[in-house]
Amino acid sequence: MSELYLYPRWVRFWHWTNALLFILLMVSGASMHFNGVGWLLNFQVAITVHNTAGILLTIGWIGFIIGNLVSGNGRHYHVQLRGFFKRLITQSIYYGYGIFRNAPHPFHPSSEAKLNTLQQVTYIGVMYLLMPLLVLSGWAFLFSVYLPDTLLGIGSVWIVAMSHLTIAYLLVLFLLVHIYIITTGEKVLTNMRAMLTGWHRDTHQETEG
């Protein structure tokens, strides 16, 4: 059994910090959205926690983008167009059917490519589309007093709020799928161990992004 060092220290630090901040944002966001539910945070506390976590998440996201540019980690997000749809379909069939039949994994990570095609598409959509939209809508919400009263005849604050909430729901859905995929390694905690130590066991199972 060989191991590959796929997750440098800065990626692991960013990953777990980002996870903690996202949990704080979910709890505080739910506390504001469902104000009055007993088990959630006090409304004023939730605002402080949400704003602070959002600012730190913004800094972390910027750090992630810069880190990918300067460290070489960004190469794992470069999608090869040749054979793209074939790889995407093969990977989707594996996740939807083959994984439940103990079929061999169609992708094996390497130091040059740690993400399969479906992971690449998903993470690009999350980190380069949904995250910046979440950040921008969050900052717009924070400084909503400077927004125009309406946009295209609709209240601008309502547009920002609904956009922020919708994106947040999509990211929560991604998180749930991400947690499930983590458990599909050789053992339930194999992939989590990789993101803790940096070393991925070279098996026929999935890696964590």
N, C-alpha and C. Protein backbone atom coordinates (compact mmCIF):
# COMPACT_ATOMS: atom_id res chain seq x y z
N MET A 1 0.85 -1.19 0.00
CA MET A 1 0.00 0.00 0.00
C MET A 1 0.88 1.24 0.00
N SER A 2 0.87 2.01 -1.07
CA SER A 2 1.67 3.23 -1.16
C SER A 2 0.81 4.43 -0.79
N GLU A 3 1.48 5.55 -0.49
CA GLU A 3 0.78 6.76 -0.14
C GLU A 3 1.30 7.93 -0.98
N LEU A 4 0.40 8.86 -1.27
CA LEU A 4 0.74 10.05 -2.04
C LEU A 4 0.51 11.28 -1.17
N TYR A 5 1.45 12.21 -1.20
CA TYR A 5 1.27 13.45 -0.45
C TYR A 5 0.54 14.43 -1.35
N LEU A 6 -0.77 14.55 -1.15
CA LEU A 6 -1.61 15.33 -2.05
C LEU A 6 -2.11 16.64 -1.45
N TYR A 7 -2.06 16.76 -0.14
CA TYR A 7 -2.66 17.92 0.51
C TYR A 7 -1.62 18.65 1.35
N PRO A 8 -0.99 19.68 0.79
CA PRO A 8 0.02 20.44 1.54
C PRO A 8 -0.60 21.11 2.77
N ARG A 9 0.27 21.54 3.66
CA ARG A 9 -0.18 22.07 4.95
C ARG A 9 -1.16 23.24 4.80
N TRP A 10 -0.88 24.13 3.86
CA TRP A 10 -1.75 25.30 3.72
C TRP A 10 -3.15 24.91 3.25
N VAL A 11 -3.23 23.90 2.39
CA VAL A 11 -4.54 23.44 1.92
C VAL A 11 -5.33 22.83 3.07
N ARG A 12 -4.66 22.04 3.91
CA ARG A 12 -5.33 21.43 5.05
C ARG A 12 -5.80 22.48 6.05
N PHE A 13 -4.94 23.47 6.31
CA PHE A 13 -5.31 24.55 7.23
C PHE A 13 -6.51 25.31 6.69
N TRP A 14 -6.47 25.64 5.39
CA TRP A 14 -7.60 26.35 4.80
C TRP A 14 -8.86 25.50 4.85
N HIS A 15 -8.75 24.22 4.53
CA HIS A 15 -9.91 23.32 4.47
C HIS A 15 -10.64 23.26 5.81
N TRP A 16 -9.91 23.02 6.89
CA TRP A 16 -10.56 22.86 8.19
C TRP A 16 -11.03 24.20 8.75
N THR A 17 -10.30 25.27 8.48
CA THR A 17 -10.75 26.59 8.90
C THR A 17 -12.02 26.97 8.16
N ASN A 18 -12.03 26.69 6.86
CA ASN A 18 -13.21 26.98 6.04
C ASN A 18 -14.41 26.17 6.52
N ALA A 19 -14.17 24.90 6.88
CA ALA A 19 -15.25 24.05 7.38
C ALA A 19 -15.84 24.60 8.67
N LEU A 20 -14.97 25.03 9.60
CA LEU A 20 -15.43 25.59 10.86
C LEU A 20 -16.23 26.87 10.63
N LEU A 21 -15.72 27.74 9.77
CA LEU A 21 -16.42 29.00 9.49
C LEU A 21 -17.77 28.74 8.84
N PHE A 22 -17.81 27.74 7.96
CA PHE A 22 -19.08 27.46 7.27
C PHE A 22 -20.11 26.93 8.25
N ILE A 23 -19.68 26.12 9.22
CA ILE A 23 -20.61 25.63 10.24
C ILE A 23 -21.14 26.79 11.07
N LEU A 24 -20.25 27.72 11.45
CA LEU A 24 -20.68 28.90 12.20
C LEU A 24 -21.67 29.73 11.39
N LEU A 25 -21.42 29.84 10.08
CA LEU A 25 -22.32 30.60 9.23
C LEU A 25 -23.69 29.92 9.10
N MET A 26 -23.69 28.59 9.02
CA MET A 26 -24.96 27.87 8.94
C MET A 26 -25.78 28.06 10.21
N VAL A 27 -25.13 27.88 11.37
CA VAL A 27 -25.85 28.00 12.65
C VAL A 27 -26.34 29.42 12.86
N SER A 28 -25.45 30.40 12.65
CA SER A 28 -25.85 31.79 12.86
C SER A 28 -26.87 32.25 11.82
N GLY A 29 -26.70 31.79 10.57
CA GLY A 29 -27.67 32.14 9.53
C GLY A 29 -29.04 31.58 9.83
N ALA A 30 -29.09 30.32 10.27
CA ALA A 30 -30.37 29.70 10.64
C ALA A 30 -30.98 30.41 11.83
N SER A 31 -30.12 30.87 12.76
CA SER A 31 -30.62 31.57 13.94
C SER A 31 -31.30 32.87 13.57
N MET A 32 -30.76 33.56 12.58
CA MET A 32 -31.39 34.81 12.13
C MET A 32 -32.64 34.54 11.31
N HIS A 33 -32.55 33.51 10.46
CA HIS A 33 -33.68 33.21 9.56
C HIS A 33 -34.87 32.67 10.34
N PHE A 34 -34.60 31.85 11.36
CA PHE A 34 -35.66 31.25 12.17
C PHE A 34 -35.63 31.86 13.57
N ASN A 35 -35.58 33.16 13.64
CA ASN A 35 -35.50 33.85 14.92
C ASN A 35 -36.66 33.47 15.83
N GLY A 36 -36.32 33.12 17.07
CA GLY A 36 -37.34 32.74 18.04
C GLY A 36 -37.34 31.27 18.37
N VAL A 37 -36.65 30.44 17.53
CA VAL A 37 -36.52 29.01 17.83
C VAL A 37 -35.55 28.85 18.99
N GLY A 38 -35.97 28.17 20.05
CA GLY A 38 -35.24 28.14 21.30
C GLY A 38 -33.81 27.62 21.24
N TRP A 39 -33.55 26.60 20.42
CA TRP A 39 -32.23 25.97 20.45
C TRP A 39 -31.19 26.73 19.64
N LEU A 40 -31.59 27.79 18.94
CA LEU A 40 -30.65 28.54 18.12
C LEU A 40 -30.08 29.72 18.90
N LEU A 41 -29.12 30.42 18.27
CA LEU A 41 -28.44 31.53 18.92
C LEU A 41 -29.37 32.73 19.09
N ASN A 42 -29.08 33.53 20.12
CA ASN A 42 -29.75 34.81 20.27
C ASN A 42 -29.53 35.63 19.01
N PHE A 43 -30.54 36.41 18.62
CA PHE A 43 -30.49 37.12 17.34
C PHE A 43 -29.28 38.04 17.24
N GLN A 44 -29.02 38.84 18.26
CA GLN A 44 -27.90 39.77 18.22
C GLN A 44 -26.56 39.04 18.21
N VAL A 45 -26.48 37.95 18.97
CA VAL A 45 -25.26 37.13 18.96
C VAL A 45 -25.06 36.52 17.58
N ALA A 46 -26.16 36.05 16.99
CA ALA A 46 -26.09 35.44 15.66
C ALA A 46 -25.57 36.43 14.62
N ILE A 47 -26.02 37.69 14.71
CA ILE A 47 -25.55 38.71 13.76
C ILE A 47 -24.04 38.90 13.87
N THR A 48 -23.56 39.01 15.11
CA THR A 48 -22.12 39.20 15.33
C THR A 48 -21.31 38.01 14.83
N VAL A 49 -21.78 36.81 15.17
CA VAL A 49 -21.08 35.60 14.74
C VAL A 49 -21.09 35.49 13.22
N HIS A 50 -22.24 35.75 12.60
CA HIS A 50 -22.38 35.62 11.15
C HIS A 50 -21.49 36.62 10.41
N ASN A 51 -21.51 37.86 10.85
CA ASN A 51 -20.70 38.88 10.19
C ASN A 51 -19.20 38.59 10.34
N THR A 52 -18.79 38.20 11.56
CA THR A 52 -17.38 37.90 11.80
C THR A 52 -16.92 36.70 10.98
N ALA A 53 -17.73 35.63 11.00
CA ALA A 53 -17.38 34.43 10.23
C ALA A 53 -17.37 34.72 8.73
N GLY A 54 -18.29 35.58 8.29
CA GLY A 54 -18.34 35.93 6.87
C GLY A 54 -17.11 36.70 6.42
N ILE A 55 -16.65 37.60 7.26
CA ILE A 55 -15.43 38.36 6.93
C ILE A 55 -14.22 37.42 6.87
N LEU A 56 -14.13 36.52 7.84
CA LEU A 56 -13.02 35.56 7.85
C LEU A 56 -13.10 34.59 6.68
N LEU A 57 -14.33 34.21 6.32
CA LEU A 57 -14.51 33.32 5.16
C LEU A 57 -14.05 34.02 3.88
N THR A 58 -14.34 35.31 3.77
CA THR A 58 -13.89 36.08 2.61
C THR A 58 -12.37 36.09 2.52
N ILE A 59 -11.71 36.34 3.65
CA ILE A 59 -10.25 36.34 3.68
C ILE A 59 -9.71 34.97 3.31
N GLY A 60 -10.35 33.93 3.84
CA GLY A 60 -9.92 32.56 3.53
C GLY A 60 -10.09 32.22 2.07
N TRP A 61 -11.20 32.67 1.47
CA TRP A 61 -11.44 32.39 0.06
C TRP A 61 -10.40 33.09 -0.81
N ILE A 62 -10.10 34.33 -0.50
CA ILE A 62 -9.06 35.06 -1.24
C ILE A 62 -7.72 34.34 -1.08
N GLY A 63 -7.43 33.88 0.14
CA GLY A 63 -6.20 33.13 0.37
C GLY A 63 -6.14 31.85 -0.44
N PHE A 64 -7.29 31.18 -0.57
CA PHE A 64 -7.36 29.94 -1.36
C PHE A 64 -7.04 30.22 -2.83
N ILE A 65 -7.62 31.26 -3.38
CA ILE A 65 -7.40 31.61 -4.78
C ILE A 65 -5.92 31.96 -5.00
N ILE A 66 -5.37 32.78 -4.12
CA ILE A 66 -3.96 33.16 -4.25
C ILE A 66 -3.06 31.93 -4.09
N GLY A 67 -3.39 31.09 -3.10
CA GLY A 67 -2.61 29.88 -2.87
C GLY A 67 -2.58 28.97 -4.08
N ASN A 68 -3.72 28.83 -4.75
CA ASN A 68 -3.77 28.01 -5.96
C ASN A 68 -2.91 28.59 -7.08
N LEU A 69 -2.84 29.90 -7.14
CA LEU A 69 -2.07 30.55 -8.19
C LEU A 69 -0.56 30.43 -7.98
N VAL A 70 -0.13 30.51 -6.73
CA VAL A 70 1.31 30.57 -6.46
C VAL A 70 1.92 29.23 -6.06
N SER A 71 1.09 28.27 -5.65
CA SER A 71 1.65 27.02 -5.13
C SER A 71 1.66 25.87 -6.14
N GLY A 72 0.88 26.00 -7.19
CA GLY A 72 0.75 24.89 -8.14
C GLY A 72 -0.46 24.02 -7.86
N ASN A 73 -1.13 24.23 -6.72
CA ASN A 73 -2.32 23.43 -6.42
C ASN A 73 -3.44 23.68 -7.42
N GLY A 74 -3.41 24.84 -8.05
CA GLY A 74 -4.44 25.18 -9.03
C GLY A 74 -4.47 24.27 -10.24
N ARG A 75 -3.35 23.56 -10.50
CA ARG A 75 -3.32 22.68 -11.67
C ARG A 75 -4.34 21.55 -11.56
N HIS A 76 -4.71 21.21 -10.33
CA HIS A 76 -5.68 20.13 -10.14
C HIS A 76 -7.09 20.53 -10.58
N TYR A 77 -7.29 21.82 -10.84
CA TYR A 77 -8.60 22.31 -11.28
C TYR A 77 -8.63 22.57 -12.78
N HIS A 78 -7.56 22.23 -13.48
CA HIS A 78 -7.51 22.40 -14.93
C HIS A 78 -8.19 21.21 -15.59
N VAL A 79 -9.32 21.44 -16.20
CA VAL A 79 -10.09 20.36 -16.83
C VAL A 79 -9.55 20.08 -18.22
N GLN A 80 -9.24 18.82 -18.48
CA GLN A 80 -8.81 18.40 -19.81
C GLN A 80 -10.04 18.18 -20.68
N LEU A 81 -10.13 18.93 -21.77
CA LEU A 81 -11.32 18.85 -22.61
C LEU A 81 -11.40 17.55 -23.40
N ARG A 82 -10.25 17.02 -23.77
CA ARG A 82 -10.26 15.78 -24.55
C ARG A 82 -10.81 14.63 -23.70
N GLY A 83 -11.86 14.01 -24.17
CA GLY A 83 -12.50 12.92 -23.44
C GLY A 83 -13.29 13.36 -22.23
N PHE A 84 -13.59 14.66 -22.16
CA PHE A 84 -14.25 15.22 -20.97
C PHE A 84 -15.59 14.55 -20.69
N PHE A 85 -16.48 14.50 -21.67
CA PHE A 85 -17.82 13.96 -21.44
C PHE A 85 -17.78 12.47 -21.13
N LYS A 86 -16.87 11.76 -21.75
CA LYS A 86 -16.74 10.32 -21.47
C LYS A 86 -16.34 10.10 -20.01
N ARG A 87 -15.35 10.86 -19.55
CA ARG A 87 -14.90 10.73 -18.16
C ARG A 87 -16.00 11.16 -17.19
N LEU A 88 -16.72 12.23 -17.55
CA LEU A 88 -17.78 12.74 -16.68
C LEU A 88 -18.90 11.71 -16.54
N ILE A 89 -19.30 11.11 -17.65
CA ILE A 89 -20.37 10.11 -17.63
C ILE A 89 -19.91 8.87 -16.87
N THR A 90 -18.68 8.43 -17.13
CA THR A 90 -18.15 7.25 -16.44
C THR A 90 -18.12 7.46 -14.94
N GLN A 91 -17.68 8.63 -14.52
CA GLN A 91 -17.60 8.93 -13.09
C GLN A 91 -18.99 9.02 -12.47
N SER A 92 -19.92 9.61 -13.20
CA SER A 92 -21.29 9.74 -12.70
C SER A 92 -21.95 8.38 -12.55
N ILE A 93 -21.72 7.48 -13.51
CA ILE A 93 -22.27 6.13 -13.43
C ILE A 93 -21.69 5.40 -12.22
N TYR A 94 -20.41 5.62 -11.98
CA TYR A 94 -19.77 4.97 -10.83
C TYR A 94 -20.43 5.43 -9.53
N TYR A 95 -20.61 6.74 -9.36
CA TYR A 95 -21.20 7.25 -8.13
C TYR A 95 -22.67 6.86 -8.00
N GLY A 96 -23.38 6.80 -9.12
CA GLY A 96 -24.80 6.50 -9.07
C GLY A 96 -25.13 5.02 -9.01
N TYR A 97 -24.18 4.17 -9.47
CA TYR A 97 -24.49 2.74 -9.56
C TYR A 97 -23.31 1.86 -9.13
N GLY A 98 -22.16 2.08 -9.77
CA GLY A 98 -21.02 1.20 -9.56
C GLY A 98 -20.54 1.12 -8.13
N ILE A 99 -20.57 2.24 -7.42
CA ILE A 99 -20.06 2.26 -6.05
C ILE A 99 -20.85 1.32 -5.14
N PHE A 100 -22.13 1.11 -5.48
CA PHE A 100 -22.98 0.22 -4.68
C PHE A 100 -22.81 -1.25 -5.07
N ARG A 101 -22.05 -1.47 -6.16
CA ARG A 101 -21.81 -2.84 -6.65
C ARG A 101 -20.35 -3.23 -6.46
N ASN A 102 -19.62 -2.41 -5.67
CA ASN A 102 -18.19 -2.65 -5.45
C ASN A 102 -17.38 -2.67 -6.74
N ALA A 103 -17.82 -1.86 -7.70
CA ALA A 103 -17.09 -1.75 -8.96
C ALA A 103 -15.77 -1.01 -8.72
N PRO A 104 -14.75 -1.30 -9.51
CA PRO A 104 -13.47 -0.58 -9.35
C PRO A 104 -13.64 0.89 -9.69
N HIS A 105 -12.94 1.74 -8.95
CA HIS A 105 -13.03 3.18 -9.20
C HIS A 105 -12.39 3.50 -10.55
N PRO A 106 -13.09 4.26 -11.40
CA PRO A 106 -12.55 4.58 -12.74
C PRO A 106 -11.41 5.60 -12.71
N PHE A 107 -11.15 6.20 -11.55
CA PHE A 107 -10.11 7.23 -11.47
C PHE A 107 -9.18 6.93 -10.30
N HIS A 108 -7.88 7.10 -10.55
CA HIS A 108 -6.89 6.91 -9.51
C HIS A 108 -6.05 8.17 -9.39
N PRO A 109 -6.07 8.81 -8.23
CA PRO A 109 -5.35 10.08 -8.07
C PRO A 109 -3.85 9.93 -8.18
N SER A 110 -3.23 11.00 -8.60
CA SER A 110 -1.77 11.05 -8.70
C SER A 110 -1.31 12.43 -8.26
N SER A 111 -0.01 12.61 -8.19
CA SER A 111 0.52 13.92 -7.79
C SER A 111 0.20 14.99 -8.81
N GLU A 112 -0.12 14.59 -10.03
CA GLU A 112 -0.44 15.55 -11.09
C GLU A 112 -1.94 15.78 -11.23
N ALA A 113 -2.74 14.84 -10.77
CA ALA A 113 -4.20 14.96 -10.89
C ALA A 113 -4.85 14.25 -9.72
N LYS A 114 -5.23 15.00 -8.70
CA LYS A 114 -5.84 14.38 -7.52
C LYS A 114 -7.36 14.37 -7.58
N LEU A 115 -7.94 15.09 -8.55
CA LEU A 115 -9.40 15.19 -8.65
C LEU A 115 -9.89 14.54 -9.93
N ASN A 116 -10.96 13.74 -9.82
CA ASN A 116 -11.57 13.20 -11.03
C ASN A 116 -12.38 14.31 -11.71
N THR A 117 -12.85 14.05 -12.90
CA THR A 117 -13.52 15.08 -13.70
C THR A 117 -14.76 15.62 -13.03
N LEU A 118 -15.55 14.76 -12.41
CA LEU A 118 -16.76 15.22 -11.73
C LEU A 118 -16.41 16.10 -10.54
N GLN A 119 -15.36 15.75 -9.82
CA GLN A 119 -14.90 16.58 -8.72
C GLN A 119 -14.43 17.94 -9.23
N GLN A 120 -13.68 17.93 -10.32
CA GLN A 120 -13.18 19.19 -10.87
C GLN A 120 -14.34 20.14 -11.20
N VAL A 121 -15.32 19.62 -11.91
CA VAL A 121 -16.47 20.43 -12.30
C VAL A 121 -17.20 20.95 -11.06
N THR A 122 -17.38 20.08 -10.08
CA THR A 122 -18.09 20.45 -8.86
C THR A 122 -17.33 21.52 -8.08
N TYR A 123 -16.04 21.30 -7.87
CA TYR A 123 -15.25 22.24 -7.06
C TYR A 123 -15.05 23.57 -7.78
N ILE A 124 -14.94 23.53 -9.09
CA ILE A 124 -14.86 24.79 -9.84
C ILE A 124 -16.16 25.57 -9.66
N GLY A 125 -17.28 24.87 -9.77
CA GLY A 125 -18.57 25.53 -9.59
C GLY A 125 -18.74 26.09 -8.19
N VAL A 126 -18.24 25.36 -7.19
CA VAL A 126 -18.37 25.81 -5.80
C VAL A 126 -17.41 26.95 -5.49
N MET A 127 -16.12 26.74 -5.79
CA MET A 127 -15.09 27.70 -5.34
C MET A 127 -14.95 28.91 -6.26
N TYR A 128 -15.30 28.76 -7.53
CA TYR A 128 -15.10 29.87 -8.47
C TYR A 128 -16.41 30.50 -8.95
N LEU A 129 -17.54 29.96 -8.51
CA LEU A 129 -18.83 30.53 -8.89
C LEU A 129 -19.69 30.82 -7.65
N LEU A 130 -20.05 29.76 -6.92
CA LEU A 130 -20.94 29.95 -5.78
C LEU A 130 -20.29 30.74 -4.64
N MET A 131 -19.03 30.43 -4.33
CA MET A 131 -18.37 31.13 -3.23
C MET A 131 -18.25 32.64 -3.48
N PRO A 132 -17.77 33.07 -4.65
CA PRO A 132 -17.71 34.52 -4.87
C PRO A 132 -19.08 35.17 -4.85
N LEU A 133 -20.11 34.46 -5.34
CA LEU A 133 -21.47 35.00 -5.29
C LEU A 133 -21.95 35.10 -3.84
N LEU A 134 -21.61 34.10 -3.03
CA LEU A 134 -21.98 34.14 -1.61
C LEU A 134 -21.30 35.31 -0.92
N VAL A 135 -20.01 35.47 -1.21
CA VAL A 135 -19.24 36.56 -0.59
C VAL A 135 -19.79 37.92 -1.01
N LEU A 136 -20.02 38.09 -2.30
CA LEU A 136 -20.52 39.38 -2.80
C LEU A 136 -21.90 39.70 -2.25
N SER A 137 -22.79 38.72 -2.23
CA SER A 137 -24.13 38.96 -1.70
C SER A 137 -24.09 39.21 -0.20
N GLY A 138 -23.17 38.54 0.49
CA GLY A 138 -23.03 38.76 1.92
C GLY A 138 -22.56 40.18 2.24
N TRP A 139 -21.57 40.65 1.49
CA TRP A 139 -21.08 42.01 1.70
C TRP A 139 -22.13 43.04 1.30
N ALA A 140 -22.89 42.73 0.24
CA ALA A 140 -23.97 43.63 -0.16
C ALA A 140 -25.03 43.72 0.93
N PHE A 141 -25.30 42.58 1.56
CA PHE A 141 -26.26 42.55 2.67
C PHE A 141 -25.73 43.35 3.85
N LEU A 142 -24.42 43.22 4.12
CA LEU A 142 -23.81 43.91 5.25
C LEU A 142 -23.88 45.42 5.08
N PHE A 143 -23.73 45.87 3.83
CA PHE A 143 -23.78 47.31 3.55
C PHE A 143 -25.02 47.66 2.73
N SER A 144 -26.14 47.04 3.09
CA SER A 144 -27.37 47.20 2.31
C SER A 144 -27.89 48.64 2.34
N VAL A 145 -27.46 49.44 3.33
CA VAL A 145 -27.94 50.83 3.39
C VAL A 145 -27.44 51.64 2.19
N TYR A 146 -26.41 51.15 1.52
CA TYR A 146 -25.86 51.85 0.37
C TYR A 146 -26.44 51.35 -0.95
N LEU A 147 -27.32 50.36 -0.89
CA LEU A 147 -27.94 49.84 -2.10
C LEU A 147 -29.07 50.76 -2.55
N PRO A 148 -29.36 50.77 -3.84
CA PRO A 148 -30.55 51.52 -4.29
C PRO A 148 -31.80 50.87 -3.74
N ASP A 149 -32.87 51.63 -3.67
CA ASP A 149 -34.10 51.10 -3.10
C ASP A 149 -34.65 49.92 -3.91
N THR A 150 -34.55 50.03 -5.23
CA THR A 150 -35.07 48.96 -6.09
C THR A 150 -34.09 48.65 -7.21
N LEU A 151 -34.21 47.43 -7.72
CA LEU A 151 -33.49 46.98 -8.91
C LEU A 151 -34.51 46.35 -9.83
N LEU A 152 -34.69 46.94 -11.01
CA LEU A 152 -35.68 46.45 -11.97
C LEU A 152 -37.07 46.41 -11.35
N GLY A 153 -37.35 47.37 -10.48
CA GLY A 153 -38.67 47.46 -9.87
C GLY A 153 -38.87 46.56 -8.67
N ILE A 154 -37.83 45.85 -8.26
CA ILE A 154 -37.93 44.94 -7.11
C ILE A 154 -37.01 45.47 -6.01
N GLY A 155 -37.41 45.33 -4.78
CA GLY A 155 -36.60 45.80 -3.67
C GLY A 155 -35.21 45.18 -3.70
N SER A 156 -34.18 46.00 -3.70
CA SER A 156 -32.81 45.49 -3.84
C SER A 156 -32.39 44.62 -2.66
N VAL A 157 -32.83 44.99 -1.45
CA VAL A 157 -32.47 44.19 -0.28
C VAL A 157 -33.09 42.79 -0.39
N TRP A 158 -34.32 42.71 -0.88
CA TRP A 158 -34.97 41.41 -1.06
C TRP A 158 -34.21 40.56 -2.07
N ILE A 159 -33.76 41.17 -3.17
CA ILE A 159 -33.00 40.44 -4.19
C ILE A 159 -31.70 39.90 -3.59
N VAL A 160 -30.99 40.74 -2.86
CA VAL A 160 -29.73 40.32 -2.24
C VAL A 160 -29.99 39.21 -1.22
N ALA A 161 -31.01 39.37 -0.41
CA ALA A 161 -31.32 38.38 0.63
C ALA A 161 -31.67 37.03 0.03
N MET A 162 -32.53 37.02 -0.99
CA MET A 162 -32.93 35.76 -1.61
C MET A 162 -31.77 35.10 -2.36
N SER A 163 -30.93 35.93 -2.98
CA SER A 163 -29.75 35.40 -3.67
C SER A 163 -28.80 34.75 -2.67
N HIS A 164 -28.55 35.45 -1.58
CA HIS A 164 -27.65 34.94 -0.53
C HIS A 164 -28.19 33.64 0.06
N LEU A 165 -29.49 33.60 0.33
CA LEU A 165 -30.10 32.41 0.92
C LEU A 165 -30.07 31.23 -0.04
N THR A 166 -30.37 31.47 -1.31
CA THR A 166 -30.37 30.40 -2.30
C THR A 166 -28.97 29.81 -2.48
N ILE A 167 -27.98 30.66 -2.58
CA ILE A 167 -26.60 30.20 -2.71
C ILE A 167 -26.18 29.41 -1.47
N ALA A 168 -26.59 29.90 -0.30
CA ALA A 168 -26.26 29.20 0.95
C ALA A 168 -26.87 27.80 0.95
N TYR A 169 -28.12 27.66 0.50
CA TYR A 169 -28.75 26.34 0.44
C TYR A 169 -27.99 25.41 -0.50
N LEU A 170 -27.55 25.93 -1.64
CA LEU A 170 -26.79 25.12 -2.59
C LEU A 170 -25.47 24.65 -1.98
N LEU A 171 -24.83 25.52 -1.23
CA LEU A 171 -23.56 25.15 -0.59
C LEU A 171 -23.77 24.15 0.55
N VAL A 172 -24.88 24.25 1.25
CA VAL A 172 -25.19 23.25 2.27
C VAL A 172 -25.41 21.90 1.61
N LEU A 173 -26.10 21.89 0.48
CA LEU A 173 -26.31 20.64 -0.27
C LEU A 173 -24.96 20.05 -0.70
N PHE A 174 -24.06 20.91 -1.20
CA PHE A 174 -22.72 20.44 -1.55
C PHE A 174 -22.01 19.85 -0.34
N LEU A 175 -22.13 20.50 0.80
CA LEU A 175 -21.47 20.01 2.01
C LEU A 175 -21.96 18.62 2.40
N LEU A 176 -23.26 18.40 2.29
CA LEU A 176 -23.82 17.09 2.63
C LEU A 176 -23.28 16.00 1.70
N VAL A 177 -23.24 16.30 0.40
CA VAL A 177 -22.70 15.34 -0.56
C VAL A 177 -21.21 15.12 -0.30
N HIS A 178 -20.51 16.20 0.00
CA HIS A 178 -19.08 16.13 0.27
C HIS A 178 -18.79 15.21 1.47
N ILE A 179 -19.58 15.37 2.53
CA ILE A 179 -19.41 14.53 3.71
C ILE A 179 -19.66 13.07 3.38
N TYR A 180 -20.68 12.82 2.55
CA TYR A 180 -20.96 11.44 2.15
C TYR A 180 -19.80 10.85 1.37
N ILE A 181 -19.28 11.61 0.40
CA ILE A 181 -18.18 11.10 -0.43
C ILE A 181 -16.95 10.79 0.43
N ILE A 182 -16.73 11.59 1.47
CA ILE A 182 -15.60 11.35 2.36
C ILE A 182 -15.65 9.94 2.94
N THR A 183 -16.85 9.43 3.19
CA THR A 183 -16.99 8.13 3.85
C THR A 183 -16.82 6.95 2.90
N THR A 184 -16.59 7.21 1.61
CA THR A 184 -16.54 6.12 0.62
C THR A 184 -15.13 5.62 0.36
N GLY A 185 -14.19 5.95 1.24
CA GLY A 185 -12.83 5.46 1.08
C GLY A 185 -12.71 4.01 1.49
N GLU A 186 -11.48 3.53 1.61
CA GLU A 186 -11.25 2.15 2.02
C GLU A 186 -11.95 1.86 3.34
N LYS A 187 -11.84 2.83 4.27
CA LYS A 187 -12.59 2.80 5.51
C LYS A 187 -13.32 4.13 5.63
N VAL A 188 -14.25 4.22 6.58
CA VAL A 188 -15.07 5.42 6.69
C VAL A 188 -14.22 6.68 6.90
N LEU A 189 -13.13 6.57 7.66
CA LEU A 189 -12.32 7.74 7.98
C LEU A 189 -11.05 7.86 7.15
N THR A 190 -10.88 7.01 6.15
CA THR A 190 -9.65 7.03 5.35
C THR A 190 -9.44 8.38 4.67
N ASN A 191 -10.46 8.90 4.03
CA ASN A 191 -10.32 10.17 3.31
C ASN A 191 -10.18 11.35 4.27
N MET A 192 -10.85 11.29 5.41
CA MET A 192 -10.68 12.36 6.40
C MET A 192 -9.25 12.35 6.93
N ARG A 193 -8.71 11.18 7.12
CA ARG A 193 -7.32 11.07 7.57
C ARG A 193 -6.38 11.74 6.59
N ALA A 194 -6.67 11.60 5.29
CA ALA A 194 -5.82 12.21 4.27
C ALA A 194 -5.80 13.72 4.40
N MET A 195 -6.96 14.32 4.71
CA MET A 195 -7.01 15.77 4.85
C MET A 195 -6.45 16.24 6.18
N LEU A 196 -6.22 15.32 7.10
CA LEU A 196 -5.58 15.66 8.37
C LEU A 196 -4.06 15.54 8.28
N THR A 197 -3.60 14.52 7.55
CA THR A 197 -2.16 14.26 7.48
C THR A 197 -1.51 14.75 6.20
N GLY A 198 -2.32 14.88 5.13
CA GLY A 198 -1.78 15.26 3.83
C GLY A 198 -1.51 14.07 2.94
N TRP A 199 -1.49 12.87 3.51
CA TRP A 199 -1.14 11.66 2.76
C TRP A 199 -2.39 10.88 2.38
N HIS A 200 -2.51 10.62 1.09
CA HIS A 200 -3.64 9.84 0.57
C HIS A 200 -3.18 8.41 0.30
N ARG A 201 -3.92 7.48 0.84
CA ARG A 201 -3.61 6.06 0.59
C ARG A 201 -4.00 5.72 -0.83
N ASP A 202 -3.10 5.09 -1.56
CA ASP A 202 -3.32 4.78 -2.97
C ASP A 202 -4.16 3.53 -3.11
N THR A 203 -5.49 3.74 -3.00
CA THR A 203 -6.42 2.62 -3.14
C THR A 203 -7.30 2.87 -4.35
N HIS A 204 -8.30 2.05 -4.51
CA HIS A 204 -9.25 2.22 -5.63
C HIS A 204 -10.46 3.01 -5.21
N GLN A 205 -10.31 3.86 -4.17
CA GLN A 205 -11.44 4.61 -3.70
C GLN A 205 -11.25 6.09 -3.97
N GLU A 206 -12.16 6.87 -3.41
CA GLU A 206 -12.24 8.29 -3.70
C GLU A 206 -11.29 9.11 -2.85
N THR A 207 -10.87 10.25 -3.36
CA THR A 207 -10.11 11.20 -2.58
C THR A 207 -10.98 12.38 -2.23
N GLU A 208 -10.53 13.13 -1.26
CA GLU A 208 -11.25 14.33 -0.85
C GLU A 208 -10.63 15.52 -1.56
N GLY A 209 -11.44 16.50 -1.93
CA GLY A 209 -10.96 17.67 -2.66
C GLY A 209 -10.43 18.68 -1.74
